[in-house]
Amino acid sequence: ESMILPPLRNTLMLSSGCLSCSTNDKFSFCYNSIRMGAIAHIGAVSESPSGNPIWIKTLNNMYYKDLPVGQAFVKDYADYQQWIITLTGDPTLDLNPPTLLDKPLPLPWSLSQ
């Protein structure tokens, strides 16, 4: 039930569920996440097969390469357009983490081959 969410208090939401960010539904998970305090949501506007590496690559771009949310998302998005993923929130937001990752997060084993 996408209507039942706790206060999210500046949470960055990444969801791989089908239609988690459907623009046809004002009660979609991504819109409710933003209403409940998420700073951004990256999710599918259509069907979403499992194993999409865009989430890990986006996190690496933010926490390893220190890019703002929007740049972190679009940097690798062209390779994964077929999954119809969208970013909801302020793309200029720069988390400016106090400590960056020493090395990138690994891709799931099935995708790294």
Protein backbone atom coordinates (compact mmCIF):
# COMPACT_ATOMS: atom_id res chain seq x y z
CA GLU A 1 0.00 0.00 0.00
CA SER A 2 1.79 3.12 -1.22
CA MET A 3 -0.38 5.41 0.90
CA ILE A 4 0.98 4.06 4.19
CA LEU A 5 4.47 5.47 4.66
CA PRO A 6 6.17 6.77 7.80
CA PRO A 7 7.80 10.22 7.78
CA LEU A 8 10.93 9.76 5.64
CA ARG A 9 12.96 12.77 6.81
CA ASN A 10 15.35 13.46 3.93
CA THR A 11 15.55 9.90 2.62
CA LEU A 12 16.85 9.09 -0.84
CA MET A 13 14.47 6.42 -2.19
CA LEU A 14 15.51 3.89 -4.84
CA SER A 15 12.84 1.35 -5.75
CA SER A 16 12.81 -1.35 -8.39
CA GLY A 17 9.14 -2.27 -8.12
CA CYS A 18 7.04 -2.10 -11.28
CA LEU A 19 5.18 1.20 -11.62
CA SER A 20 6.71 2.56 -8.40
CA CYS A 21 6.77 5.96 -10.07
CA SER A 22 3.83 5.79 -12.43
CA THR A 23 2.96 9.30 -13.54
CA ASN A 24 -0.66 8.24 -14.16
CA ASP A 25 -1.35 7.74 -10.46
CA LYS A 26 -1.25 10.66 -8.03
CA PHE A 27 -0.93 8.10 -5.23
CA SER A 28 2.10 6.33 -6.69
CA PHE A 29 4.89 5.27 -4.34
CA CYS A 30 7.32 7.94 -5.58
CA TYR A 31 4.88 10.83 -5.15
CA ASN A 32 3.93 9.66 -1.68
CA SER A 33 7.62 9.26 -0.80
CA ILE A 34 8.22 12.91 -1.71
CA ARG A 35 5.11 14.00 0.21
CA MET A 36 6.37 12.14 3.28
CA GLY A 37 9.79 13.80 3.21
CA ALA A 38 12.02 11.94 0.75
CA ILE A 39 14.53 14.25 -0.94
CA ALA A 40 14.42 12.22 -4.17
CA HIS A 41 13.03 9.01 -5.60
CA ILE A 42 14.40 6.92 -8.46
CA GLY A 43 11.93 4.33 -9.69
CA ALA A 44 10.19 2.66 -12.60
CA VAL A 45 7.38 4.31 -14.54
CA SER A 46 6.52 0.99 -16.17
CA GLU A 47 7.53 -2.65 -15.78
CA SER A 48 10.82 -3.14 -13.99
CA PRO A 49 12.80 -6.35 -14.43
CA SER A 50 15.03 -7.22 -11.50
CA GLY A 51 18.76 -6.75 -11.69
CA ASN A 52 18.88 -3.21 -13.07
CA PRO A 53 22.33 -1.84 -12.17
CA ILE A 54 21.27 1.84 -12.48
CA TRP A 55 20.65 2.06 -8.73
CA ILE A 56 24.12 0.85 -7.76
CA LYS A 57 25.73 2.98 -10.47
CA THR A 58 23.81 6.04 -9.26
CA LEU A 59 24.95 5.44 -5.67
CA ASN A 60 28.54 5.00 -6.86
CA ASN A 61 28.32 8.24 -8.81
CA MET A 62 27.11 10.07 -5.68
CA TYR A 63 29.25 8.43 -2.98
CA TYR A 64 32.37 7.50 -4.95
CA LYS A 65 32.52 10.21 -7.63
CA ASP A 66 30.80 12.92 -5.53
CA LEU A 67 28.25 13.96 -8.18
CA PRO A 68 24.92 15.70 -7.48
CA VAL A 69 21.85 13.41 -7.62
CA GLY A 70 20.78 14.39 -11.15
CA GLN A 71 24.25 14.04 -12.67
CA ALA A 72 24.79 10.78 -10.80
CA PHE A 73 21.57 9.38 -12.28
CA VAL A 74 21.98 10.49 -15.92
CA LYS A 75 25.67 9.59 -16.13
CA ASP A 76 24.85 5.91 -16.73
CA TYR A 77 21.15 6.19 -17.60
CA ALA A 78 21.67 5.99 -21.39
CA ASP A 79 22.82 2.37 -21.00
CA TYR A 80 19.61 1.40 -19.18
CA GLN A 81 16.85 3.44 -20.88
CA GLN A 82 14.93 0.29 -21.74
CA TRP A 83 13.87 0.03 -18.07
CA ILE A 84 12.07 3.38 -18.15
CA ILE A 85 13.35 4.76 -14.85
CA THR A 86 12.79 8.32 -13.65
CA LEU A 87 14.18 10.66 -11.03
CA THR A 88 11.66 12.62 -8.98
CA GLY A 89 13.10 15.38 -6.82
CA ASP A 90 15.70 18.11 -7.16
CA PRO A 91 18.39 16.93 -9.62
CA THR A 92 20.76 19.68 -8.48
CA LEU A 93 20.86 18.34 -4.91
CA ASP A 94 24.46 17.70 -3.92
CA LEU A 95 24.67 15.41 -0.89
CA ASN A 96 28.33 16.34 -0.46
CA PRO A 97 29.06 13.29 1.69
CA PRO A 98 31.70 13.95 4.35
CA THR A 99 33.45 10.72 3.38
CA LEU A 100 33.51 9.14 -0.06
CA LEU A 101 33.67 5.40 -0.71
CA ASP A 102 37.19 4.01 -1.07
CA LYS A 103 36.04 1.88 -4.00
CA PRO A 104 32.78 1.59 -5.96
CA LEU A 105 30.00 -0.69 -4.78
CA PRO A 106 30.13 -3.95 -6.74
CA LEU A 107 27.47 -4.76 -9.27
CA PRO A 108 25.40 -7.88 -8.59
CA TRP A 109 27.30 -10.96 -9.72
CA SER A 110 24.86 -11.66 -12.54
CA LEU A 111 25.46 -8.21 -14.08
CA SER A 112 29.21 -7.91 -13.65
CA GLN A 113 30.08 -10.59 -16.21
